[in-house]
Amino acid sequence: MAQEKPTKNSTTGLVAVFTGNGKGKTTASLGLAFRALGHGHRVCIIQFIKGSWKYGELEMAKQFTPLLDFHVMGRGFTWKSDDLEKDKQLAVEAWDFAKEVIQANTYDMVILDELTYLPHYNILDEEEILEVLRNRPREQHVVVTGRYASAGLIELAELVTEMKEIKHPYQSGVKAQKGFEF
């Protein structure tokens, strides 16, 4: 059954997209997760690209069980990959897992962190992603993050925010810092 577009004052689940070259896409999605958790909603976060770093959000997530499930499904950033085929395989496995999570309808919100990279790099078929999002449970919110959000995804979503980089500490030699970037 195709997802209906929400109407004024409806409780229909929304698709939100945080995209663009600026910092803050994952951070914005985590803000929505905290908001949902504050209302007792169940949230599942699936990260497609991030790998073995010790992210602060992973440590914090432990404090929200059983309402929050956090799945890091990648090995790290693909543009630094030592085995691109392995990364592609893990991405497809993560997408299969994400489809099951969405269709099972056990979460009020599903966050697909850095999913936009997969169709952009031809790892996944964009139309398959759009079809899953169109046919998700009516009341389920889905948040998609990552650069290169496609025109199709932007058209499907009810909320789209583009993060635009104006200035970043890395430009002046400041490396990623614990508690701020991870």
C-alpha atoms as a PDB file:
ATOM      1  CA  MET A   1       0.000   0.000   0.000  1.00  0.00           C
ATOM      2  CA  ALA A   2       1.511   3.284  -1.068  1.00  0.00           C
ATOM      3  CA  GLN A   3       2.303   5.877   1.580  1.00  0.00           C
ATOM      4  CA  GLU A   4      -0.188   8.742   1.530  1.00  0.00           C
ATOM      5  CA  LYS A   5       1.059  12.296   1.714  1.00  0.00           C
ATOM      6  CA  PRO A   6       0.369  13.789   5.156  1.00  0.00           C
ATOM      7  CA  THR A   7      -2.371  16.335   5.560  1.00  0.00           C
ATOM      8  CA  LYS A   8      -2.716  19.201   8.003  1.00  0.00           C
ATOM      9  CA  ASN A   9      -2.998  17.850  11.565  1.00  0.00           C
ATOM     10  CA  SER A  10      -2.374  14.245  10.464  1.00  0.00           C
ATOM     11  CA  THR A  11      -0.175  11.775  12.307  1.00  0.00           C
ATOM     12  CA  THR A  12       1.197  10.224   9.141  1.00  0.00           C
ATOM     13  CA  GLY A  13       4.874   9.318   9.295  1.00  0.00           C
ATOM     14  CA  LEU A  14       7.235  11.634   7.465  1.00  0.00           C
ATOM     15  CA  VAL A  15      10.357  11.164   5.381  1.00  0.00           C
ATOM     16  CA  ALA A  16      13.055  13.676   6.301  1.00  0.00           C
ATOM     17  CA  VAL A  17      16.288  14.174   4.372  1.00  0.00           C
ATOM     18  CA  PHE A  18      19.376  15.954   5.675  1.00  0.00           C
ATOM     19  CA  THR A  19      21.825  16.456   2.818  1.00  0.00           C
ATOM     20  CA  GLY A  20      24.515  18.806   1.540  1.00  0.00           C
ATOM     21  CA  ASN A  21      28.245  19.327   1.964  1.00  0.00           C
ATOM     22  CA  GLY A  22      28.043  20.943   5.388  1.00  0.00           C
ATOM     23  CA  LYS A  23      28.495  19.313   8.777  1.00  0.00           C
ATOM     24  CA  GLY A  24      25.434  18.406  10.806  1.00  0.00           C
ATOM     25  CA  LYS A  25      23.436  15.824   8.844  1.00  0.00           C
ATOM     26  CA  THR A  26      23.894  12.963  11.287  1.00  0.00           C
ATOM     27  CA  THR A  27      23.727  15.393  14.198  1.00  0.00           C
ATOM     28  CA  ALA A  28      20.334  16.669  13.024  1.00  0.00           C
ATOM     29  CA  SER A  29      19.020  13.119  12.709  1.00  0.00           C
ATOM     30  CA  LEU A  30      20.217  12.344  16.241  1.00  0.00           C
ATOM     31  CA  GLY A  31      18.322  15.411  17.465  1.00  0.00           C
ATOM     32  CA  LEU A  32      15.141  13.956  16.001  1.00  0.00           C
ATOM     33  CA  ALA A  33      15.967  10.620  17.628  1.00  0.00           C
ATOM     34  CA  PHE A  34      16.326  12.271  21.053  1.00  0.00           C
ATOM     35  CA  ARG A  35      13.039  14.086  20.554  1.00  0.00           C
ATOM     36  CA  ALA A  36      11.272  10.829  19.660  1.00  0.00           C
ATOM     37  CA  LEU A  37      12.879   8.986  22.590  1.00  0.00           C
ATOM     38  CA  GLY A  38      11.673  11.732  24.908  1.00  0.00           C
ATOM     39  CA  HIS A  39       8.131  10.782  23.942  1.00  0.00           C
ATOM     40  CA  GLY A  40       8.756   7.076  24.530  1.00  0.00           C
ATOM     41  CA  HIS A  41       8.991   6.256  20.816  1.00  0.00           C
ATOM     42  CA  ARG A  42      11.127   3.386  19.570  1.00  0.00           C
ATOM     43  CA  VAL A  43      14.006   4.422  17.295  1.00  0.00           C
ATOM     44  CA  CYS A  44      16.362   2.406  15.117  1.00  0.00           C
ATOM     45  CA  ILE A  45      19.518   3.987  13.714  1.00  0.00           C
ATOM     46  CA  ILE A  46      21.330   2.209  10.888  1.00  0.00           C
ATOM     47  CA  GLN A  47      24.660   3.648   9.798  1.00  0.00           C
ATOM     48  CA  PHE A  48      25.724   2.568   6.314  1.00  0.00           C
ATOM     49  CA  ILE A  49      29.233   4.028   6.058  1.00  0.00           C
ATOM     50  CA  LYS A  50      30.659   4.772   9.495  1.00  0.00           C
ATOM     51  CA  GLY A  51      32.900   2.072  10.852  1.00  0.00           C
ATOM     52  CA  SER A  52      34.997   1.173  13.849  1.00  0.00           C
ATOM     53  CA  TRP A  53      35.641   4.598  15.414  1.00  0.00           C
ATOM     54  CA  LYS A  54      34.383   5.021  18.961  1.00  0.00           C
ATOM     55  CA  TYR A  55      31.603   7.555  18.353  1.00  0.00           C
ATOM     56  CA  GLY A  56      30.114   9.374  21.335  1.00  0.00           C
ATOM     57  CA  GLU A  57      26.607   8.670  20.069  1.00  0.00           C
ATOM     58  CA  LEU A  58      27.254   4.911  20.335  1.00  0.00           C
ATOM     59  CA  GLU A  59      28.151   5.264  24.004  1.00  0.00           C
ATOM     60  CA  MET A  60      25.131   7.462  24.661  1.00  0.00           C
ATOM     61  CA  ALA A  61      22.816   5.048  22.831  1.00  0.00           C
ATOM     62  CA  LYS A  62      23.432   2.388  25.486  1.00  0.00           C
ATOM     63  CA  GLN A  63      21.591   4.564  27.991  1.00  0.00           C
ATOM     64  CA  PHE A  64      18.386   4.454  25.927  1.00  0.00           C
ATOM     65  CA  THR A  65      17.842   0.720  25.669  1.00  0.00           C
ATOM     66  CA  PRO A  66      15.320  -0.762  25.025  1.00  0.00           C
ATOM     67  CA  LEU A  67      13.862   2.229  23.111  1.00  0.00           C
ATOM     68  CA  LEU A  68      16.910   2.784  20.884  1.00  0.00           C
ATOM     69  CA  ASP A  69      18.680   0.263  18.678  1.00  0.00           C
ATOM     70  CA  PHE A  70      21.896   1.430  17.014  1.00  0.00           C
ATOM     71  CA  HIS A  71      23.503  -0.557  14.193  1.00  0.00           C
ATOM     72  CA  VAL A  72      26.862   0.398  12.659  1.00  0.00           C
ATOM     73  CA  MET A  73      26.936  -1.640   9.464  1.00  0.00           C
ATOM     74  CA  GLY A  74      29.957  -0.273   7.554  1.00  0.00           C
ATOM     75  CA  ARG A  75      33.740  -0.467   7.887  1.00  0.00           C
ATOM     76  CA  GLY A  76      34.481   3.211   7.525  1.00  0.00           C
ATOM     77  CA  PHE A  77      34.482   5.860   4.860  1.00  0.00           C
ATOM     78  CA  THR A  78      34.527   4.281   1.400  1.00  0.00           C
ATOM     79  CA  TRP A  79      36.763   6.918  -0.183  1.00  0.00           C
ATOM     80  CA  LYS A  80      39.498   5.664   2.183  1.00  0.00           C
ATOM     81  CA  SER A  81      38.670   2.001   1.589  1.00  0.00           C
ATOM     82  CA  ASP A  82      41.236  -0.753   1.286  1.00  0.00           C
ATOM     83  CA  ASP A  83      38.557  -3.158  -0.030  1.00  0.00           C
ATOM     84  CA  LEU A  84      35.774  -1.414  -1.949  1.00  0.00           C
ATOM     85  CA  GLU A  85      34.077  -4.718  -2.860  1.00  0.00           C
ATOM     86  CA  LYS A  86      33.789  -5.618   0.833  1.00  0.00           C
ATOM     87  CA  ASP A  87      32.336  -2.177   1.534  1.00  0.00           C
ATOM     88  CA  LYS A  88      29.768  -2.642  -1.235  1.00  0.00           C
ATOM     89  CA  GLN A  89      28.816  -6.069   0.122  1.00  0.00           C
ATOM     90  CA  LEU A  90      28.342  -4.651   3.634  1.00  0.00           C
ATOM     91  CA  ALA A  91      26.250  -1.788   2.233  1.00  0.00           C
ATOM     92  CA  VAL A  92      23.919  -4.203   0.441  1.00  0.00           C
ATOM     93  CA  GLU A  93      23.627  -6.305   3.620  1.00  0.00           C
ATOM     94  CA  ALA A  94      22.864  -3.156   5.609  1.00  0.00           C
ATOM     95  CA  TRP A  95      20.149  -2.200   3.106  1.00  0.00           C
ATOM     96  CA  ASP A  96      18.608  -5.681   3.350  1.00  0.00           C
ATOM     97  CA  PHE A  97      18.582  -5.267   7.139  1.00  0.00           C
ATOM     98  CA  ALA A  98      17.073  -1.763   6.834  1.00  0.00           C
ATOM     99  CA  LYS A  99      14.267  -3.057   4.597  1.00  0.00           C
ATOM    100  CA  GLU A 100      13.428  -5.724   7.191  1.00  0.00           C
ATOM    101  CA  VAL A 101      13.450  -3.137   9.990  1.00  0.00           C
ATOM    102  CA  ILE A 102      11.140  -0.797   8.066  1.00  0.00           C
ATOM    103  CA  GLN A 103       8.721  -3.517   7.014  1.00  0.00           C
ATOM    104  CA  ALA A 104       8.593  -5.098  10.503  1.00  0.00           C
ATOM    105  CA  ASN A 105       7.084  -1.849  11.820  1.00  0.00           C
ATOM    106  CA  THR A 106       8.522  -2.198  15.333  1.00  0.00           C
ATOM    107  CA  TYR A 107      10.004   1.315  15.350  1.00  0.00           C
ATOM    108  CA  ASP A 108       8.339   4.710  15.280  1.00  0.00           C
ATOM    109  CA  MET A 109      11.411   6.218  13.626  1.00  0.00           C
ATOM    110  CA  VAL A 110      14.109   4.663  11.451  1.00  0.00           C
ATOM    111  CA  ILE A 111      17.245   6.678  10.694  1.00  0.00           C
ATOM    112  CA  LEU A 112      19.200   5.625   7.592  1.00  0.00           C
ATOM    113  CA  ASP A 113      22.460   7.447   8.181  1.00  0.00           C
ATOM    114  CA  GLU A 114      24.523   8.075   5.037  1.00  0.00           C
ATOM    115  CA  LEU A 115      22.184   6.058   2.824  1.00  0.00           C
ATOM    116  CA  THR A 116      22.412   8.671   0.034  1.00  0.00           C
ATOM    117  CA  TYR A 117      25.928   7.548  -0.840  1.00  0.00           C
ATOM    118  CA  LEU A 118      24.770   4.104  -1.933  1.00  0.00           C
ATOM    119  CA  PRO A 119      22.717   5.084  -4.988  1.00  0.00           C
ATOM    120  CA  HIS A 120      25.139   7.928  -5.748  1.00  0.00           C
ATOM    121  CA  TYR A 121      27.994   5.413  -6.086  1.00  0.00           C
ATOM    122  CA  ASN A 122      25.754   2.861  -7.860  1.00  0.00           C
ATOM    123  CA  ILE A 123      25.865   0.394  -4.973  1.00  0.00           C
ATOM    124  CA  LEU A 124      22.065   0.333  -4.646  1.00  0.00           C
ATOM    125  CA  ASP A 125      19.263   1.075  -7.079  1.00  0.00           C
ATOM    126  CA  GLU A 126      17.620   4.359  -6.173  1.00  0.00           C
ATOM    127  CA  GLU A 127      14.191   3.206  -7.319  1.00  0.00           C
ATOM    128  CA  GLU A 128      14.307   0.291  -4.871  1.00  0.00           C
ATOM    129  CA  ILE A 129      15.031   2.697  -2.017  1.00  0.00           C
ATOM    130  CA  LEU A 130      12.197   5.000  -3.078  1.00  0.00           C
ATOM    131  CA  GLU A 131       9.798   2.063  -3.343  1.00  0.00           C
ATOM    132  CA  VAL A 132      10.604   0.892   0.190  1.00  0.00           C
ATOM    133  CA  LEU A 133      10.099   4.420   1.511  1.00  0.00           C
ATOM    134  CA  ARG A 134       6.800   4.819  -0.364  1.00  0.00           C
ATOM    135  CA  ASN A 135       5.504   1.541   1.029  1.00  0.00           C
ATOM    136  CA  ARG A 136       6.693   1.883   4.622  1.00  0.00           C
ATOM    137  CA  PRO A 137       4.144   1.630   7.441  1.00  0.00           C
ATOM    138  CA  ARG A 138       1.876   4.669   7.408  1.00  0.00           C
ATOM    139  CA  GLU A 139       2.823   5.970  10.852  1.00  0.00           C
ATOM    140  CA  GLN A 140       6.595   5.408  10.599  1.00  0.00           C
ATOM    141  CA  HIS A 141       9.037   8.303  10.294  1.00  0.00           C
ATOM    142  CA  VAL A 142      12.162   7.672   8.206  1.00  0.00           C
ATOM    143  CA  VAL A 143      15.169   9.980   8.248  1.00  0.00           C
ATOM    144  CA  VAL A 144      17.807   9.751   5.507  1.00  0.00           C
ATOM    145  CA  THR A 145      21.163  11.500   5.729  1.00  0.00           C
ATOM    146  CA  GLY A 146      24.145  12.015   3.468  1.00  0.00           C
ATOM    147  CA  ARG A 147      25.490  14.135   0.648  1.00  0.00           C
ATOM    148  CA  TYR A 148      24.134  13.798  -2.874  1.00  0.00           C
ATOM    149  CA  ALA A 149      20.446  13.311  -2.107  1.00  0.00           C
ATOM    150  CA  SER A 150      18.825  12.540  -5.437  1.00  0.00           C
ATOM    151  CA  ALA A 151      16.011  14.494  -7.052  1.00  0.00           C
ATOM    152  CA  GLY A 152      13.751  11.467  -6.554  1.00  0.00           C
ATOM    153  CA  LEU A 153      14.452  11.291  -2.829  1.00  0.00           C
ATOM    154  CA  ILE A 154      13.982  15.038  -2.446  1.00  0.00           C
ATOM    155  CA  GLU A 155      10.648  14.820  -4.266  1.00  0.00           C
ATOM    156  CA  LEU A 156       9.467  11.925  -2.079  1.00  0.00           C
ATOM    157  CA  ALA A 157      10.408  13.524   1.260  1.00  0.00           C
ATOM    158  CA  GLU A 158       8.183  15.881   3.208  1.00  0.00           C
ATOM    159  CA  LEU A 159      11.167  17.583   4.890  1.00  0.00           C
ATOM    160  CA  VAL A 160      14.471  18.312   3.172  1.00  0.00           C
ATOM    161  CA  THR A 161      17.265  20.364   4.688  1.00  0.00           C
ATOM    162  CA  GLU A 162      20.519  21.089   2.917  1.00  0.00           C
ATOM    163  CA  MET A 163      23.526  21.665   5.140  1.00  0.00           C
ATOM    164  CA  LYS A 164      25.782  24.219   3.470  1.00  0.00           C
ATOM    165  CA  GLU A 165      29.389  24.458   4.556  1.00  0.00           C
ATOM    166  CA  ILE A 166      30.421  28.038   5.052  1.00  0.00           C
ATOM    167  CA  LYS A 167      33.362  27.532   7.390  1.00  0.00           C
ATOM    168  CA  HIS A 168      34.821  24.421   9.041  1.00  0.00           C
ATOM    169  CA  PRO A 169      37.650  24.128  11.605  1.00  0.00           C
ATOM    170  CA  TYR A 170      39.391  21.542   9.397  1.00  0.00           C
ATOM    171  CA  GLN A 171      40.094  24.349   6.898  1.00  0.00           C
ATOM    172  CA  SER A 172      42.371  25.976   9.473  1.00  0.00           C
ATOM    173  CA  GLY A 173      44.087  22.736  10.468  1.00  0.00           C
ATOM    174  CA  VAL A 174      41.899  21.709  13.426  1.00  0.00           C
ATOM    175  CA  LYS A 175      41.371  17.947  13.328  1.00  0.00           C
ATOM    176  CA  ALA A 176      38.166  16.135  14.309  1.00  0.00           C
ATOM    177  CA  GLN A 177      37.634  16.315  18.067  1.00  0.00           C
ATOM    178  CA  LYS A 178      36.018  13.855  20.456  1.00  0.00           C
ATOM    179  CA  GLY A 179      32.690  15.195  21.643  1.00  0.00           C
ATOM    180  CA  PHE A 180      32.266  17.541  18.698  1.00  0.00           C
ATOM    181  CA  GLU A 181      32.693  15.549  15.495  1.00  0.00           C
ATOM    182  CA  PHE A 182      32.528  12.025  16.891  1.00  0.00           C
END
